[in-house]
Amino acid sequence: ENWWMESPLLPKQKLPPPSWEELWNVIVMGIAFFFTFSAYNTLQNLITTLLHGNTGFISLCVLYVSVCPSLLFAPSLCDSLGTKLTMVFGSLGYTLYVVSLASINSAVIIAFSVVIGFGAAILWVAQGVQITACSAPHNLGLNNGIFWGVFQCSGIAGNLAAYYVLSKTSHTVLFYGASGVSAIGVLLLFALRVPMFPPKSRADDPHAPEESCMTKTLEPMRISIRALLSTMNSVKIAPALFFTGFELAFVTGEFPKVFATDSDQEASIPLVFVAWGIAEVVGALCVGKVSDLVGRKP
């Protein structure tokens, strides 16, 4: 009886929108990631065609392989340093990798592929914690949508800039310019404020027993692995995650070579990814709000 009154699409009362205090960190993070990934994501789509031989493929392979073990240490590092500093160090890893591309030295690029792999792991773990700590529960989906919408604009701006640079000058200029843009993203993260809803930490409990350095490092890792293995949800989404990984490998590695078969066509690659970026922005803004209305559970 009156079952429709329980529908999440028909809330019983209008919940308040996010306050400016909530939105500040969300927007600053979005803009910082916009600069960082305007540089990195754009170059990621180009390195298999711009770098000599198989350097681009090897670099991407080493990068994403190094992310996996780094994720095990990311929660403890985030807990020790705090989300702000963790994101600064993670974003710095992206900048160092972009700078290494300008060297056109295979050994240097592959070495810094490990650095950015570790940086990516800690950056995205800290980003998830930070945006949750900045959001009231009923605004979490909306704030995620705002962050991803601003962040994904990097796919439009970065590729348009890359198209212009490659049309007028060389890829070396593109690498140096991207290094400066990525550095702006690192600096912007220092503008983050203390979150409104900070996560609880054992350090905040005065009655918590003293822990050794090893325990502080391994305990968050143990809790994360146990939580991952104790729920069927992670098993259910595993096929989708594997498919996403294969899709990303194809898009960043082989897809650019489909329509850029020689050096004269390299400038056309960013134009194709501009359309990709527009789709990501629209999807991010829509899915965030839908998540708040419908919920994440089926």
Protein backbone atom coordinates (compact mmCIF):
# COMPACT_ATOMS: atom_id res chain seq x y z
CA GLU A 1 0.00 0.00 0.00
CA ASN A 2 1.36 3.39 -1.06
CA TRP A 3 4.57 1.61 -2.03
CA TRP A 4 5.60 4.48 -4.29
CA MET A 5 6.13 6.69 -1.24
CA GLU A 6 9.21 4.60 -0.42
CA SER A 7 10.81 5.18 -3.80
CA PRO A 8 14.19 6.97 -3.62
CA LEU A 9 13.01 8.97 -6.63
CA LEU A 10 10.37 10.58 -4.42
CA PRO A 11 12.17 11.75 -1.26
CA LYS A 12 10.02 12.61 1.71
CA GLN A 13 11.73 15.93 2.23
CA LYS A 14 13.94 18.18 0.17
CA LEU A 15 17.53 17.81 1.26
CA PRO A 16 19.78 20.89 1.28
CA PRO A 17 22.27 21.36 -1.58
CA PRO A 18 26.00 21.31 -0.82
CA SER A 19 27.27 24.39 1.00
CA TRP A 20 30.16 26.51 -0.24
CA GLU A 21 32.36 24.92 2.44
CA GLU A 22 31.61 21.52 0.90
CA LEU A 23 32.07 22.71 -2.67
CA TRP A 24 35.40 24.49 -2.11
CA ASN A 25 37.48 21.33 -1.82
CA VAL A 26 35.45 19.56 -4.51
CA ILE A 27 36.03 22.36 -7.02
CA VAL A 28 39.70 22.89 -6.08
CA MET A 29 40.35 19.17 -6.48
CA GLY A 30 38.54 19.17 -9.80
CA ILE A 31 40.59 22.11 -11.12
CA ALA A 32 43.88 20.64 -9.82
CA PHE A 33 43.14 17.30 -11.47
CA PHE A 34 42.07 19.18 -14.59
CA PHE A 35 45.56 20.65 -14.97
CA THR A 36 47.39 17.45 -14.02
CA PHE A 37 45.42 15.25 -16.39
CA SER A 38 45.21 17.79 -19.20
CA ALA A 39 48.91 17.05 -19.41
CA TYR A 40 49.07 13.35 -18.56
CA ASN A 41 45.95 11.94 -20.25
CA THR A 42 46.69 13.84 -23.44
CA LEU A 43 50.26 12.54 -23.61
CA GLN A 44 49.14 9.04 -22.64
CA ASN A 45 47.10 8.92 -25.84
CA LEU A 46 50.11 10.04 -27.87
CA ILE A 47 53.20 8.34 -26.49
CA THR A 48 52.79 5.10 -28.45
CA THR A 49 53.04 7.14 -31.66
CA LEU A 50 55.41 9.93 -30.57
CA LEU A 51 58.08 7.86 -28.80
CA HIS A 52 60.56 5.72 -30.71
CA GLY A 53 60.06 1.97 -31.02
CA ASN A 54 58.08 0.22 -28.31
CA THR A 55 59.03 2.67 -25.56
CA GLY A 56 55.46 3.96 -25.27
CA PHE A 57 53.96 0.47 -24.92
CA ILE A 58 56.58 -0.64 -22.39
CA SER A 59 56.12 2.56 -20.38
CA LEU A 60 52.34 2.12 -20.12
CA CYS A 61 52.76 -1.55 -19.22
CA VAL A 62 55.26 -0.79 -16.43
CA LEU A 63 53.10 2.10 -15.23
CA TYR A 64 49.92 0.09 -14.72
CA VAL A 65 51.68 -3.00 -13.39
CA SER A 66 53.33 -0.84 -10.70
CA VAL A 67 49.94 0.56 -9.65
CA CYS A 68 48.74 -2.82 -8.35
CA PRO A 69 51.26 -3.44 -5.52
CA SER A 70 51.32 0.27 -4.70
CA LEU A 71 47.59 0.20 -3.91
CA LEU A 72 48.30 -2.09 -0.95
CA PHE A 73 50.37 0.63 0.73
CA ALA A 74 48.21 3.58 -0.29
CA PRO A 75 45.69 3.42 2.62
CA SER A 76 48.39 3.43 5.29
CA LEU A 77 50.27 6.28 3.61
CA CYS A 78 47.05 8.26 3.29
CA ASP A 79 46.32 7.67 6.97
CA SER A 80 49.82 8.76 8.00
CA LEU A 81 50.27 11.84 5.80
CA GLY A 82 46.65 12.91 5.43
CA THR A 83 44.74 13.14 2.16
CA LYS A 84 46.08 16.56 1.17
CA LEU A 85 49.79 15.71 1.31
CA THR A 86 49.17 12.28 -0.18
CA MET A 87 47.48 13.87 -3.20
CA VAL A 88 50.33 16.38 -3.53
CA PHE A 89 52.93 13.60 -3.66
CA GLY A 90 50.77 11.51 -5.99
CA SER A 91 50.23 14.42 -8.35
CA LEU A 92 53.95 15.19 -8.24
CA GLY A 93 54.58 11.67 -9.56
CA TYR A 94 52.50 12.53 -12.63
CA THR A 95 54.47 15.73 -13.17
CA LEU A 96 57.82 13.95 -12.92
CA TYR A 97 56.68 11.39 -15.48
CA VAL A 98 55.57 14.10 -17.91
CA VAL A 99 58.94 15.83 -17.47
CA SER A 100 60.73 12.53 -18.19
CA LEU A 101 58.96 12.26 -21.56
CA ALA A 102 60.78 15.38 -22.71
CA SER A 103 64.10 13.56 -22.28
CA ILE A 104 63.18 11.04 -25.02
CA ASN A 105 65.39 8.58 -23.12
CA SER A 106 63.83 5.12 -22.86
CA ALA A 107 65.54 4.16 -19.59
CA VAL A 108 64.51 7.42 -17.89
CA ILE A 109 60.93 7.16 -19.12
CA ILE A 110 60.53 3.57 -17.96
CA ALA A 111 62.07 4.38 -14.56
CA PHE A 112 59.61 7.20 -14.03
CA SER A 113 56.79 4.92 -15.17
CA VAL A 114 57.24 3.18 -11.82
CA VAL A 115 57.14 6.55 -10.05
CA ILE A 116 53.87 7.55 -11.67
CA GLY A 117 52.44 4.08 -10.96
CA PHE A 118 53.01 4.61 -7.25
CA GLY A 119 51.76 8.20 -7.54
CA ALA A 120 48.57 7.11 -9.29
CA ALA A 121 47.79 4.58 -6.56
CA ILE A 122 48.12 7.01 -3.67
CA LEU A 123 46.51 9.90 -5.56
CA TRP A 124 43.27 8.10 -6.34
CA VAL A 125 42.95 6.47 -2.93
CA ALA A 126 43.40 9.87 -1.27
CA GLN A 127 40.97 11.49 -3.73
CA GLY A 128 38.22 9.06 -2.77
CA VAL A 129 38.76 9.64 0.94
CA GLN A 130 38.96 13.41 0.49
CA ILE A 131 35.78 13.82 -1.53
CA THR A 132 33.86 11.61 0.90
CA ALA A 133 35.16 13.70 3.81
CA CYS A 134 34.03 16.87 2.00
CA SER A 135 30.48 15.69 1.32
CA ALA A 136 27.32 15.25 3.33
CA PRO A 137 25.95 11.74 2.62
CA HIS A 138 23.01 13.00 0.55
CA ASN A 139 25.33 15.13 -1.62
CA LEU A 140 28.09 12.58 -2.20
CA GLY A 141 26.91 11.61 -5.69
CA LEU A 142 26.40 15.23 -6.73
CA ASN A 143 29.83 16.27 -5.46
CA ASN A 144 31.43 13.32 -7.24
CA GLY A 145 29.64 14.37 -10.42
CA ILE A 146 30.90 17.95 -10.06
CA PHE A 147 34.46 16.76 -9.46
CA TRP A 148 34.46 14.36 -12.39
CA GLY A 149 32.74 16.88 -14.65
CA VAL A 150 35.42 19.51 -13.98
CA PHE A 151 38.21 16.94 -14.09
CA GLN A 152 37.04 15.35 -17.35
CA CYS A 153 37.11 18.73 -19.09
CA SER A 154 40.85 18.01 -19.24
CA GLY A 155 40.09 15.59 -22.05
CA ILE A 156 38.73 18.48 -24.12
CA ALA A 157 41.16 21.28 -23.26
CA GLY A 158 44.28 19.10 -23.22
CA ASN A 159 43.59 17.51 -26.59
CA LEU A 160 42.68 20.82 -28.24
CA ALA A 161 45.94 22.32 -26.96
CA ALA A 162 47.88 19.28 -28.15
CA TYR A 163 46.33 19.52 -31.61
CA TYR A 164 47.36 23.18 -31.88
CA VAL A 165 50.92 22.55 -30.64
CA LEU A 166 51.52 19.52 -32.87
CA SER A 167 50.14 21.43 -35.87
CA LYS A 168 52.49 24.37 -35.31
CA THR A 169 55.62 22.96 -33.66
CA SER A 170 57.15 19.67 -32.48
CA HIS A 171 56.23 17.12 -29.83
CA THR A 172 59.21 18.26 -27.74
CA VAL A 173 57.48 21.61 -27.21
CA LEU A 174 54.33 19.70 -26.28
CA PHE A 175 56.21 17.71 -23.63
CA TYR A 176 57.72 20.81 -22.02
CA GLY A 177 54.43 22.70 -22.09
CA ALA A 178 52.60 19.74 -20.53
CA SER A 179 55.21 19.64 -17.75
CA GLY A 180 54.36 23.21 -16.76
CA VAL A 181 50.62 22.57 -16.91
CA SER A 182 50.96 19.47 -14.72
CA ALA A 183 52.99 21.42 -12.15
CA ILE A 184 50.12 23.91 -11.79
CA GLY A 185 47.91 21.02 -10.71
CA VAL A 186 50.35 20.09 -7.93
CA LEU A 187 50.43 23.66 -6.60
CA LEU A 188 46.64 24.01 -6.60
CA LEU A 189 46.28 21.09 -4.20
CA PHE A 190 47.87 23.22 -1.47
CA ALA A 191 44.68 25.34 -1.52
CA LEU A 192 42.62 22.47 -0.09
CA ARG A 193 41.00 23.17 3.27
CA VAL A 194 40.25 20.89 6.21
CA PRO A 195 37.29 18.65 5.22
CA MET A 196 33.92 19.20 6.92
CA PHE A 197 33.46 15.49 7.65
CA PRO A 198 36.98 14.15 8.29
CA PRO A 199 37.29 10.35 8.57
CA LYS A 200 37.96 8.92 12.00
CA SER A 201 41.44 7.66 12.68
CA ARG A 202 42.87 5.51 15.44
CA ALA A 203 45.18 8.40 16.21
CA ASP A 204 42.12 10.41 17.25
CA ASP A 205 41.26 7.89 19.97
CA PRO A 206 43.21 8.68 23.19
CA HIS A 207 42.43 5.19 24.54
CA ALA A 208 43.82 3.37 21.52
CA PRO A 209 46.94 1.29 22.31
CA GLU A 210 50.29 2.46 20.99
CA GLU A 211 51.14 0.81 17.68
CA SER A 212 54.51 0.03 16.15
CA CYS A 213 55.52 1.54 12.83
CA MET A 214 55.10 -1.86 11.15
CA THR A 215 51.59 -2.27 12.56
CA LYS A 216 50.57 1.21 11.40
CA THR A 217 51.74 0.31 7.90
CA LEU A 218 50.28 -3.20 7.63
CA GLU A 219 47.01 -2.84 9.56
CA PRO A 220 45.19 -0.63 6.98
CA MET A 221 46.41 -3.02 4.29
CA ARG A 222 45.04 -6.04 6.19
CA ILE A 223 41.69 -4.35 6.79
CA SER A 224 41.39 -3.36 3.12
CA ILE A 225 42.15 -6.88 1.85
CA ARG A 226 39.75 -8.47 4.34
CA ALA A 227 36.97 -6.06 3.40
CA LEU A 228 37.59 -6.72 -0.29
CA LEU A 229 37.47 -10.49 0.06
CA SER A 230 34.55 -10.60 2.53
CA THR A 231 31.98 -9.08 0.18
CA MET A 232 30.49 -10.55 -2.97
CA ASN A 233 30.13 -7.09 -4.48
CA SER A 234 33.83 -6.96 -5.33
CA VAL A 235 33.55 -10.36 -7.02
CA LYS A 236 30.49 -9.26 -9.01
CA ILE A 237 32.15 -6.15 -10.43
CA ALA A 238 35.49 -7.85 -11.13
CA PRO A 239 34.59 -8.79 -14.75
CA ALA A 240 33.59 -5.19 -15.48
CA LEU A 241 36.86 -3.93 -13.98
CA PHE A 242 38.91 -6.38 -16.06
CA PHE A 243 37.03 -5.30 -19.18
CA THR A 244 37.72 -1.64 -18.32
CA GLY A 245 41.42 -2.44 -18.05
CA PHE A 246 41.49 -4.13 -21.46
CA GLU A 247 39.53 -1.24 -22.95
CA LEU A 248 41.96 1.30 -21.50
CA ALA A 249 44.95 -0.64 -22.84
CA PHE A 250 43.46 -0.67 -26.33
CA VAL A 251 42.42 3.00 -26.28
CA THR A 252 45.78 4.33 -25.09
CA GLY A 253 47.97 1.83 -26.95
CA GLU A 254 46.52 0.65 -30.24
CA PHE A 255 43.57 2.94 -30.95
CA PRO A 256 45.70 6.00 -31.90
CA LYS A 257 47.60 3.89 -34.44
CA VAL A 258 44.36 2.98 -36.21
CA PHE A 259 43.92 6.45 -37.69
CA ALA A 260 47.48 7.82 -37.36
CA THR A 261 49.52 5.50 -39.53
CA ASP A 262 52.37 7.96 -40.17
CA SER A 263 53.97 11.01 -38.55
CA ASP A 264 51.97 13.44 -40.71
CA GLN A 265 48.74 12.27 -39.08
CA GLU A 266 49.88 12.56 -35.45
CA ALA A 267 48.15 15.93 -34.98
CA SER A 268 44.79 14.30 -35.74
CA ILE A 269 44.93 12.06 -32.65
CA PRO A 270 43.98 14.78 -30.12
CA LEU A 271 40.96 15.80 -32.22
CA VAL A 272 39.52 12.29 -31.95
CA PHE A 273 39.97 12.31 -28.19
CA VAL A 274 38.20 15.69 -27.88
CA ALA A 275 34.94 13.88 -28.70
CA TRP A 276 35.88 11.25 -26.12
CA GLY A 277 36.39 13.98 -23.52
CA ILE A 278 33.01 15.57 -24.23
CA ALA A 279 31.27 12.23 -23.67
CA GLU A 280 33.12 11.76 -20.36
CA VAL A 281 32.08 15.21 -19.09
CA VAL A 282 28.41 14.64 -19.92
CA GLY A 283 28.50 11.17 -18.36
CA ALA A 284 30.16 12.38 -15.15
CA LEU A 285 27.66 15.19 -14.56
CA CYS A 286 24.66 12.95 -15.23
CA VAL A 287 25.72 9.83 -13.33
CA GLY A 288 26.59 11.73 -10.14
CA LYS A 289 23.10 13.16 -9.72
CA VAL A 290 21.42 9.90 -10.73
CA SER A 291 23.46 8.13 -8.04
CA ASP A 292 22.00 10.44 -5.36
CA LEU A 293 18.44 9.94 -6.64
CA VAL A 294 18.45 6.20 -7.28
CA GLY A 295 21.18 5.03 -4.94
CA ARG A 296 24.09 2.70 -5.62
CA LYS A 297 22.26 -0.49 -4.65
CA PRO A 298 19.93 -2.20 -7.16
